[in-house]
């Protein structure tokens, strides 16, 4: 029984050392420019797209739920006094 515990401890220590060695081998990102370049290098389309979006104010037929903070259509309004949507009411 003691031998099995010693073997298990040895395996845990070996795997811990392997993880530490792998972490040391990985390059670290220290600069924002490096981070941007690494995102572009991943090949993701999202990283290459422009992040400009036109934000519209809440329209007359919409409201913001006070619980989930989502903009919903007036037909989803369940509690007019507390301004809650059907999902949150």
PDB file of N, CA and C in Angstrom:
ATOM      1  N   UNK A   1       0.824  -1.190   0.000  1.00  0.00           N
ATOM      2  CA  UNK A   1       0.000   0.000   0.000  1.00  0.00           C
ATOM      3  C   UNK A   1       0.874   1.262   0.000  1.00  0.00           C
ATOM      4  N   UNK A   2       1.938   1.265   0.777  1.00  0.00           N
ATOM      5  CA  UNK A   2       2.824   2.413   0.860  1.00  0.00           C
ATOM      6  C   UNK A   2       3.572   2.605  -0.454  1.00  0.00           C
ATOM      7  N   UNK A   3       3.908   1.496  -1.123  1.00  0.00           N
ATOM      8  CA  UNK A   3       4.610   1.595  -2.389  1.00  0.00           C
ATOM      9  C   UNK A   3       3.746   2.265  -3.452  1.00  0.00           C
ATOM     10  N   UNK A   4       2.450   1.959  -3.446  1.00  0.00           N
ATOM     11  CA  UNK A   4       1.535   2.561  -4.417  1.00  0.00           C
ATOM     12  C   UNK A   4       1.433   4.066  -4.191  1.00  0.00           C
ATOM     13  N   UNK A   5       1.418   4.471  -2.932  1.00  0.00           N
ATOM     14  CA  UNK A   5       1.337   5.905  -2.628  1.00  0.00           C
ATOM     15  C   UNK A   5       2.612   6.620  -3.067  1.00  0.00           C
ATOM     16  N   UNK A   6       3.779   5.968  -2.850  1.00  0.00           N
ATOM     17  CA  UNK A   6       5.041   6.571  -3.257  1.00  0.00           C
ATOM     18  C   UNK A   6       5.119   6.697  -4.774  1.00  0.00           C
ATOM     19  N   UNK A   7       4.636   5.687  -5.493  1.00  0.00           N
ATOM     20  CA  UNK A   7       4.628   5.748  -6.952  1.00  0.00           C
ATOM     21  C   UNK A   7       3.716   6.867  -7.443  1.00  0.00           C
ATOM     22  N   UNK A   8       2.561   7.004  -6.785  1.00  0.00           N
ATOM     23  CA  UNK A   8       1.610   8.047  -7.183  1.00  0.00           C
ATOM     24  C   UNK A   8       2.198   9.427  -6.939  1.00  0.00           C
ATOM     25  N   UNK A   9       2.884   9.615  -5.796  1.00  0.00           N
ATOM     26  CA  UNK A   9       3.522  10.895  -5.508  1.00  0.00           C
ATOM     27  C   UNK A   9       4.601  11.206  -6.549  1.00  0.00           C
ATOM     28  N   UNK A  10       5.352  10.191  -6.938  1.00  0.00           N
ATOM     29  CA  UNK A  10       6.386  10.378  -7.944  1.00  0.00           C
ATOM     30  C   UNK A  10       5.800  10.794  -9.278  1.00  0.00           C
ATOM     31  N   UNK A  11       4.668  10.201  -9.639  1.00  0.00           N
ATOM     32  CA  UNK A  11       4.012  10.551 -10.894  1.00  0.00           C
ATOM     33  C   UNK A  11       3.478  11.983 -10.842  1.00  0.00           C
ATOM     34  N   UNK A  12       2.914  12.372  -9.688  1.00  0.00           N
ATOM     35  CA  UNK A  12       2.383  13.724  -9.542  1.00  0.00           C
ATOM     36  C   UNK A  12       3.509  14.745  -9.653  1.00  0.00           C
ATOM     37  N   UNK A  13       4.637  14.470  -8.983  1.00  0.00           N
ATOM     38  CA  UNK A  13       5.769  15.384  -9.050  1.00  0.00           C
ATOM     39  C   UNK A  13       6.324  15.471 -10.465  1.00  0.00           C
ATOM     40  N   UNK A  14       6.388  14.333 -11.163  1.00  0.00           N
ATOM     41  CA  UNK A  14       6.900  14.335 -12.539  1.00  0.00           C
ATOM     42  C   UNK A  14       5.981  15.129 -13.454  1.00  0.00           C
ATOM     43  N   UNK A  15       4.667  14.950 -13.296  1.00  0.00           N
ATOM     44  CA  UNK A  15       3.743  15.681 -14.156  1.00  0.00           C
ATOM     45  C   UNK A  15       3.770  17.175 -13.833  1.00  0.00           C
ATOM     46  N   UNK A  16       3.974  17.509 -12.574  1.00  0.00           N
ATOM     47  CA  UNK A  16       4.077  18.918 -12.196  1.00  0.00           C
ATOM     48  C   UNK A  16       5.318  19.545 -12.827  1.00  0.00           C
ATOM     49  N   UNK A  17       6.417  18.819 -12.806  1.00  0.00           N
ATOM     50  CA  UNK A  17       7.638  19.328 -13.423  1.00  0.00           C
ATOM     51  C   UNK A  17       7.470  19.498 -14.936  1.00  0.00           C
ATOM     52  N   UNK A  18       6.733  18.574 -15.559  1.00  0.00           N
ATOM     53  CA  UNK A  18       6.478  18.687 -16.999  1.00  0.00           C
ATOM     54  C   UNK A  18       5.656  19.933 -17.303  1.00  0.00           C
ATOM     55  N   UNK A  19       4.638  20.201 -16.484  1.00  0.00           N
ATOM     56  CA  UNK A  19       3.804  21.393 -16.696  1.00  0.00           C
ATOM     57  C   UNK A  19       4.617  22.672 -16.531  1.00  0.00           C
ATOM     58  N   UNK A  20       5.484  22.695 -15.538  1.00  0.00           N
ATOM     59  CA  UNK A  20       6.313  23.881 -15.319  1.00  0.00           C
ATOM     60  C   UNK A  20       7.250  24.084 -16.500  1.00  0.00           C
ATOM     61  N   UNK A  21       7.819  22.993 -17.008  1.00  0.00           N
ATOM     62  CA  UNK A  21       8.724  23.095 -18.155  1.00  0.00           C
ATOM     63  C   UNK A  21       7.974  23.585 -19.395  1.00  0.00           C
ATOM     64  N   UNK A  22       6.757  23.091 -19.613  1.00  0.00           N
ATOM     65  CA  UNK A  22       5.969  23.524 -20.769  1.00  0.00           C
ATOM     66  C   UNK A  22       5.627  25.002 -20.663  1.00  0.00           C
ATOM     67  N   UNK A  23       5.299  25.436 -19.455  1.00  0.00           N
ATOM     68  CA  UNK A  23       4.945  26.843 -19.264  1.00  0.00           C
ATOM     69  C   UNK A  23       6.149  27.739 -19.530  1.00  0.00           C
ATOM     70  N   UNK A  24       7.325  27.296 -19.125  1.00  0.00           N
ATOM     71  CA  UNK A  24       8.537  28.078 -19.342  1.00  0.00           C
ATOM     72  C   UNK A  24       8.879  28.157 -20.827  1.00  0.00           C
ATOM     73  N   UNK A  25       8.521  27.141 -21.607  1.00  0.00           N
ATOM     74  CA  UNK A  25       8.824  27.119 -23.035  1.00  0.00           C
ATOM     75  C   UNK A  25       7.914  28.029 -23.852  1.00  0.00           C
ATOM     76  N   UNK A  26       6.718  28.312 -23.325  1.00  0.00           N
ATOM     77  CA  UNK A  26       5.762  29.150 -24.064  1.00  0.00           C
ATOM     78  C   UNK A  26       6.212  30.599 -24.093  1.00  0.00           C
ATOM     79  N   UNK A  27       6.073  31.262 -25.231  1.00  0.00           N
ATOM     80  CA  UNK A  27       6.407  32.690 -25.281  1.00  0.00           C
ATOM     81  C   UNK A  27       5.342  33.500 -24.552  1.00  0.00           C
ATOM     82  N   UNK A  28       5.776  34.537 -23.877  1.00  0.00           N
ATOM     83  CA  UNK A  28       4.839  35.391 -23.161  1.00  0.00           C
ATOM     84  C   UNK A  28       4.617  36.674 -23.946  1.00  0.00           C
ATOM     85  N   UNK A  29       3.409  37.187 -23.875  1.00  0.00           N
ATOM     86  CA  UNK A  29       3.060  38.439 -24.560  1.00  0.00           C
ATOM     87  C   UNK A  29       3.211  39.559 -23.549  1.00  0.00           C
ATOM     88  N   UNK A  30       4.079  40.513 -23.858  1.00  0.00           N
ATOM     89  CA  UNK A  30       4.339  41.590 -22.911  1.00  0.00           C
ATOM     90  C   UNK A  30       3.864  42.934 -23.420  1.00  0.00           C
ATOM     91  N   UNK A  31       3.565  43.029 -24.693  1.00  0.00           N
ATOM     92  CA  UNK A  31       3.218  44.312 -25.281  1.00  0.00           C
ATOM     93  C   UNK A  31       1.875  44.198 -25.987  1.00  0.00           C
ATOM     94  N   UNK A  32       1.103  45.275 -25.994  1.00  0.00           N
ATOM     95  CA  UNK A  32      -0.196  45.272 -26.660  1.00  0.00           C
ATOM     96  C   UNK A  32      -0.056  44.986 -28.151  1.00  0.00           C
ATOM     97  N   UNK A  33       0.997  45.502 -28.771  1.00  0.00           N
ATOM     98  CA  UNK A  33       1.210  45.255 -30.198  1.00  0.00           C
ATOM     99  C   UNK A  33       1.441  43.783 -30.466  1.00  0.00           C
ATOM    100  N   UNK A  34       2.193  43.125 -29.579  1.00  0.00           N
ATOM    101  CA  UNK A  34       2.432  41.695 -29.737  1.00  0.00           C
ATOM    102  C   UNK A  34       1.123  40.926 -29.647  1.00  0.00           C
ATOM    103  N   UNK A  35       0.250  41.369 -28.739  1.00  0.00           N
ATOM    104  CA  UNK A  35      -1.042  40.703 -28.568  1.00  0.00           C
ATOM    105  C   UNK A  35      -1.890  40.851 -29.819  1.00  0.00           C
ATOM    106  N   UNK A  36      -1.904  42.044 -30.407  1.00  0.00           N
ATOM    107  CA  UNK A  36      -2.653  42.266 -31.639  1.00  0.00           C
ATOM    108  C   UNK A  36      -2.124  41.385 -32.756  1.00  0.00           C
ATOM    109  N   UNK A  37      -0.813  41.294 -32.866  1.00  0.00           N
ATOM    110  CA  UNK A  37      -0.217  40.464 -33.907  1.00  0.00           C
ATOM    111  C   UNK A  37      -0.554  39.003 -33.708  1.00  0.00           C
ATOM    112  N   UNK A  38      -0.580  38.554 -32.451  1.00  0.00           N
ATOM    113  CA  UNK A  38      -0.884  37.144 -32.202  1.00  0.00           C
ATOM    114  C   UNK A  38      -2.343  36.853 -32.536  1.00  0.00           C
ATOM    115  N   UNK A  39      -3.224  37.812 -32.323  1.00  0.00           N
ATOM    116  CA  UNK A  39      -4.630  37.606 -32.686  1.00  0.00           C
ATOM    117  C   UNK A  39      -4.776  37.487 -34.197  1.00  0.00           C
ATOM    118  N   UNK A  40      -4.028  38.313 -34.925  1.00  0.00           N
ATOM    119  CA  UNK A  40      -4.094  38.251 -36.378  1.00  0.00           C
ATOM    120  C   UNK A  40      -3.468  36.961 -36.894  1.00  0.00           C
ATOM    121  N   UNK A  41      -2.497  36.465 -36.197  1.00  0.00           N
ATOM    122  CA  UNK A  41      -1.821  35.252 -36.632  1.00  0.00           C
ATOM    123  C   UNK A  41      -2.674  34.010 -36.430  1.00  0.00           C
ATOM    124  N   UNK A  42      -3.699  34.100 -35.594  1.00  0.00           N
ATOM    125  CA  UNK A  42      -4.534  32.931 -35.331  1.00  0.00           C
ATOM    126  C   UNK A  42      -5.404  32.582 -36.523  1.00  0.00           C
ATOM    127  N   UNK A  43      -5.591  33.524 -37.451  1.00  0.00           N
ATOM    128  CA  UNK A  43      -6.389  33.249 -38.634  1.00  0.00           C
ATOM    129  C   UNK A  43      -7.872  33.476 -38.401  1.00  0.00           C
ATOM    130  N   UNK A  44      -8.234  34.058 -37.328  1.00  0.00           N
ATOM    131  CA  UNK A  44      -9.649  34.328 -37.046  1.00  0.00           C
ATOM    132  C   UNK A  44     -10.121  35.523 -37.863  1.00  0.00           C
ATOM    133  N   UNK A  45     -11.289  35.378 -38.446  1.00  0.00           N
ATOM    134  CA  UNK A  45     -11.858  36.481 -39.210  1.00  0.00           C
ATOM    135  C   UNK A  45     -12.266  37.624 -38.291  1.00  0.00           C
ATOM    136  N   UNK A  46     -12.682  37.295 -37.061  1.00  0.00           N
ATOM    137  CA  UNK A  46     -13.120  38.329 -36.126  1.00  0.00           C
ATOM    138  C   UNK A  46     -11.987  39.297 -35.810  1.00  0.00           C
ATOM    139  N   UNK A  47     -10.779  38.808 -35.742  1.00  0.00           N
ATOM    140  CA  UNK A  47      -9.650  39.661 -35.395  1.00  0.00           C
ATOM    141  C   UNK A  47      -9.335  40.634 -36.518  1.00  0.00           C
ATOM    142  N   UNK A  48      -9.670  40.276 -37.730  1.00  0.00           N
ATOM    143  CA  UNK A  48      -9.355  41.125 -38.872  1.00  0.00           C
ATOM    144  C   UNK A  48     -10.451  42.135 -39.188  1.00  0.00           C
ATOM    145  N   UNK A  49     -11.633  41.908 -38.660  1.00  0.00           N
ATOM    146  CA  UNK A  49     -12.751  42.797 -38.955  1.00  0.00           C
ATOM    147  C   UNK A  49     -12.615  44.104 -38.192  1.00  0.00           C
ATOM    148  N   UNK A  50     -13.171  45.133 -38.759  1.00  0.00           N
ATOM    149  CA  UNK A  50     -13.187  46.424 -38.102  1.00  0.00           C
ATOM    150  C   UNK A  50     -14.162  46.377 -36.940  1.00  0.00           C
ATOM    151  N   UNK A  51     -13.829  47.056 -35.856  1.00  0.00           N
ATOM    152  CA  UNK A  51     -14.660  47.030 -34.666  1.00  0.00           C
ATOM    153  C   UNK A  51     -15.527  48.275 -34.540  1.00  0.00           C
ATOM    154  N   UNK A  52     -15.799  48.931 -35.646  1.00  0.00           N
ATOM    155  CA  UNK A  52     -16.653  50.100 -35.594  1.00  0.00           C
ATOM    156  C   UNK A  52     -18.104  49.670 -35.775  1.00  0.00           C
ATOM    157  N   UNK A  53     -18.952  50.097 -34.866  1.00  0.00           N
ATOM    158  CA  UNK A  53     -20.371  49.770 -34.895  1.00  0.00           C
ATOM    159  C   UNK A  53     -21.159  51.018 -34.546  1.00  0.00           C
ATOM    160  N   UNK A  54     -22.207  51.248 -35.266  1.00  0.00           N
ATOM    161  CA  UNK A  54     -23.057  52.395 -34.979  1.00  0.00           C
ATOM    162  C   UNK A  54     -24.078  51.974 -33.925  1.00  0.00           C
ATOM    163  N   UNK A  55     -24.094  52.672 -32.801  1.00  0.00           N
ATOM    164  CA  UNK A  55     -24.994  52.365 -31.703  1.00  0.00           C
ATOM    165  C   UNK A  55     -26.180  53.313 -31.768  1.00  0.00           C
ATOM    166  N   UNK A  56     -27.362  52.742 -31.799  1.00  0.00           N
ATOM    167  CA  UNK A  56     -28.585  53.533 -31.850  1.00  0.00           C
ATOM    168  C   UNK A  56     -29.187  53.659 -30.457  1.00  0.00           C
ATOM    169  N   UNK A  57     -29.817  54.789 -30.159  1.00  0.00           N
ATOM    170  CA  UNK A  57     -30.505  54.900 -28.866  1.00  0.00           C
ATOM    171  C   UNK A  57     -31.758  54.027 -28.863  1.00  0.00           C
ATOM    172  N   UNK A  58     -32.319  53.826 -27.688  1.00  0.00           N
ATOM    173  CA  UNK A  58     -33.537  53.018 -27.564  1.00  0.00           C
ATOM    174  C   UNK A  58     -34.657  53.690 -28.352  1.00  0.00           C
ATOM    175  N   UNK A  59     -35.321  52.909 -29.199  1.00  0.00           N
ATOM    176  CA  UNK A  59     -36.399  53.431 -30.039  1.00  0.00           C
ATOM    177  C   UNK A  59     -37.704  53.532 -29.245  1.00  0.00           C
ATOM    178  N   UNK A  60     -38.705  54.178 -29.832  1.00  0.00           N
ATOM    179  CA  UNK A  60     -39.999  54.363 -29.154  1.00  0.00           C
ATOM    180  C   UNK A  60     -40.710  53.045 -28.894  1.00  0.00           C
ATOM    181  N   UNK A  61     -40.489  52.051 -29.734  1.00  0.00           N
ATOM    182  CA  UNK A  61     -41.166  50.775 -29.562  1.00  0.00           C
ATOM    183  C   UNK A  61     -40.303  49.769 -28.794  1.00  0.00           C
ATOM    184  N   UNK A  62     -39.275  50.257 -28.071  1.00  0.00           N
ATOM    185  CA  UNK A  62     -38.380  49.398 -27.305  1.00  0.00           C
ATOM    186  C   UNK A  62     -38.282  49.887 -25.865  1.00  0.00           C
ATOM    187  N   UNK A  63     -37.798  48.996 -24.991  1.00  0.00           N
ATOM    188  CA  UNK A  63     -37.535  49.364 -23.603  1.00  0.00           C
ATOM    189  C   UNK A  63     -36.339  48.555 -23.123  1.00  0.00           C
ATOM    190  N   UNK A  64     -35.742  48.981 -22.015  1.00  0.00           N
ATOM    191  CA  UNK A  64     -34.628  48.261 -21.413  1.00  0.00           C
ATOM    192  C   UNK A  64     -35.135  47.611 -20.143  1.00  0.00           C
ATOM    193  N   UNK A  65     -35.025  46.294 -20.073  1.00  0.00           N
ATOM    194  CA  UNK A  65     -35.461  45.552 -18.898  1.00  0.00           C
ATOM    195  C   UNK A  65     -34.559  45.913 -17.716  1.00  0.00           C
ATOM    196  N   UNK A  66     -35.145  46.176 -16.559  1.00  0.00           N
ATOM    197  CA  UNK A  66     -34.383  46.565 -15.373  1.00  0.00           C
ATOM    198  C   UNK A  66     -33.723  45.366 -14.697  1.00  0.00           C
ATOM    199  N   UNK A  67     -34.043  44.155 -15.118  1.00  0.00           N
ATOM    200  CA  UNK A  67     -33.435  42.974 -14.526  1.00  0.00           C
ATOM    201  C   UNK A  67     -32.292  42.433 -15.383  1.00  0.00           C
ATOM    202  N   UNK A  68     -32.552  42.164 -16.655  1.00  0.00           N
ATOM    203  CA  UNK A  68     -31.524  41.581 -17.528  1.00  0.00           C
ATOM    204  C   UNK A  68     -30.792  42.627 -18.356  1.00  0.00           C
ATOM    205  N   UNK A  69     -31.278  43.881 -18.364  1.00  0.00           N
ATOM    206  CA  UNK A  69     -30.657  45.005 -19.062  1.00  0.00           C
ATOM    207  C   UNK A  69     -30.565  44.810 -20.573  1.00  0.00           C
ATOM    208  N   UNK A  70     -31.470  44.014 -21.122  1.00  0.00           N
ATOM    209  CA  UNK A  70     -31.535  43.836 -22.563  1.00  0.00           C
ATOM    210  C   UNK A  70     -32.560  44.779 -23.153  1.00  0.00           C
ATOM    211  N   UNK A  71     -32.309  45.239 -24.367  1.00  0.00           N
ATOM    212  CA  UNK A  71     -33.274  46.070 -25.076  1.00  0.00           C
ATOM    213  C   UNK A  71     -34.266  45.129 -25.739  1.00  0.00           C
ATOM    214  N   UNK A  72     -35.552  45.305 -25.414  1.00  0.00           N
ATOM    215  CA  UNK A  72     -36.589  44.423 -25.937  1.00  0.00           C
ATOM    216  C   UNK A  72     -37.694  45.261 -26.576  1.00  0.00           C
ATOM    217  N   UNK A  73     -38.481  44.612 -27.417  1.00  0.00           N
ATOM    218  CA  UNK A  73     -39.634  45.251 -28.044  1.00  0.00           C
ATOM    219  C   UNK A  73     -40.727  45.440 -26.992  1.00  0.00           C
ATOM    220  N   UNK A  74     -41.536  46.470 -27.157  1.00  0.00           N
ATOM    221  CA  UNK A  74     -42.610  46.756 -26.184  1.00  0.00           C
ATOM    222  C   UNK A  74     -43.564  45.580 -25.986  1.00  0.00           C
ATOM    223  N   UNK A  75     -43.702  44.724 -26.976  1.00  0.00           N
ATOM    224  CA  UNK A  75     -44.588  43.566 -26.829  1.00  0.00           C
ATOM    225  C   UNK A  75     -44.055  42.583 -25.781  1.00  0.00           C
ATOM    226  N   UNK A  76     -42.791  42.704 -25.415  1.00  0.00           N
ATOM    227  CA  UNK A  76     -42.189  41.829 -24.404  1.00  0.00           C
ATOM    228  C   UNK A  76     -42.307  42.394 -22.987  1.00  0.00           C
ATOM    229  N   UNK A  77     -42.907  43.579 -22.855  1.00  0.00           N
ATOM    230  CA  UNK A  77     -43.051  44.223 -21.552  1.00  0.00           C
ATOM    231  C   UNK A  77     -44.107  43.510 -20.722  1.00  0.00           C
ATOM    232  N   UNK A  78     -43.717  42.945 -19.586  1.00  0.00           N
ATOM    233  CA  UNK A  78     -44.644  42.208 -18.734  1.00  0.00           C
ATOM    234  C   UNK A  78     -45.076  43.043 -17.529  1.00  0.00           C
ATOM    235  N   UNK A  79     -44.173  43.790 -16.947  1.00  0.00           N
ATOM    236  CA  UNK A  79     -44.482  44.608 -15.771  1.00  0.00           C
ATOM    237  C   UNK A  79     -44.103  46.046 -16.075  1.00  0.00           C
ATOM    238  N   UNK A  80     -45.117  46.846 -16.385  1.00  0.00           N
ATOM    239  CA  UNK A  80     -44.884  48.233 -16.787  1.00  0.00           C
ATOM    240  C   UNK A  80     -44.304  49.060 -15.649  1.00  0.00           C
ATOM    241  N   UNK A  81     -44.750  48.822 -14.428  1.00  0.00           N
ATOM    242  CA  UNK A  81     -44.303  49.609 -13.283  1.00  0.00           C
ATOM    243  C   UNK A  81     -42.817  49.363 -12.978  1.00  0.00           C
ATOM    244  N   UNK A  82     -42.392  48.106 -13.002  1.00  0.00           N
ATOM    245  CA  UNK A  82     -40.999  47.762 -12.701  1.00  0.00           C
ATOM    246  C   UNK A  82     -40.129  47.654 -13.951  1.00  0.00           C
ATOM    247  N   UNK A  83     -40.737  47.798 -15.131  1.00  0.00           N
ATOM    248  CA  UNK A  83     -40.060  47.707 -16.433  1.00  0.00           C
ATOM    249  C   UNK A  83     -39.309  46.383 -16.554  1.00  0.00           C
ATOM    250  N   UNK A  84     -40.062  45.298 -16.472  1.00  0.00           N
ATOM    251  CA  UNK A  84     -39.493  43.959 -16.609  1.00  0.00           C
ATOM    252  C   UNK A  84     -40.037  43.290 -17.850  1.00  0.00           C
ATOM    253  N   UNK A  85     -39.170  42.509 -18.505  1.00  0.00           N
ATOM    254  CA  UNK A  85     -39.611  41.771 -19.679  1.00  0.00           C
ATOM    255  C   UNK A  85     -40.313  40.486 -19.266  1.00  0.00           C
ATOM    256  N   UNK A  86     -40.891  39.790 -20.220  1.00  0.00           N
ATOM    257  CA  UNK A  86     -41.615  38.532 -19.935  1.00  0.00           C
ATOM    258  C   UNK A  86     -40.709  37.484 -19.331  1.00  0.00           C
ATOM    259  N   UNK A  87     -39.463  37.441 -19.764  1.00  0.00           N
ATOM    260  CA  UNK A  87     -38.531  36.440 -19.247  1.00  0.00           C
ATOM    261  C   UNK A  87     -38.175  36.660 -17.787  1.00  0.00           C
ATOM    262  N   UNK A  88     -38.114  37.916 -17.371  1.00  0.00           N
ATOM    263  CA  UNK A  88     -37.693  38.239 -16.010  1.00  0.00           C
ATOM    264  C   UNK A  88     -38.841  38.418 -15.017  1.00  0.00           C
ATOM    265  N   UNK A  89     -40.035  38.643 -15.527  1.00  0.00           N
ATOM    266  CA  UNK A  89     -41.177  38.883 -14.640  1.00  0.00           C
ATOM    267  C   UNK A  89     -41.583  37.654 -13.867  1.00  0.00           C
TER     268      UNK A  89
END
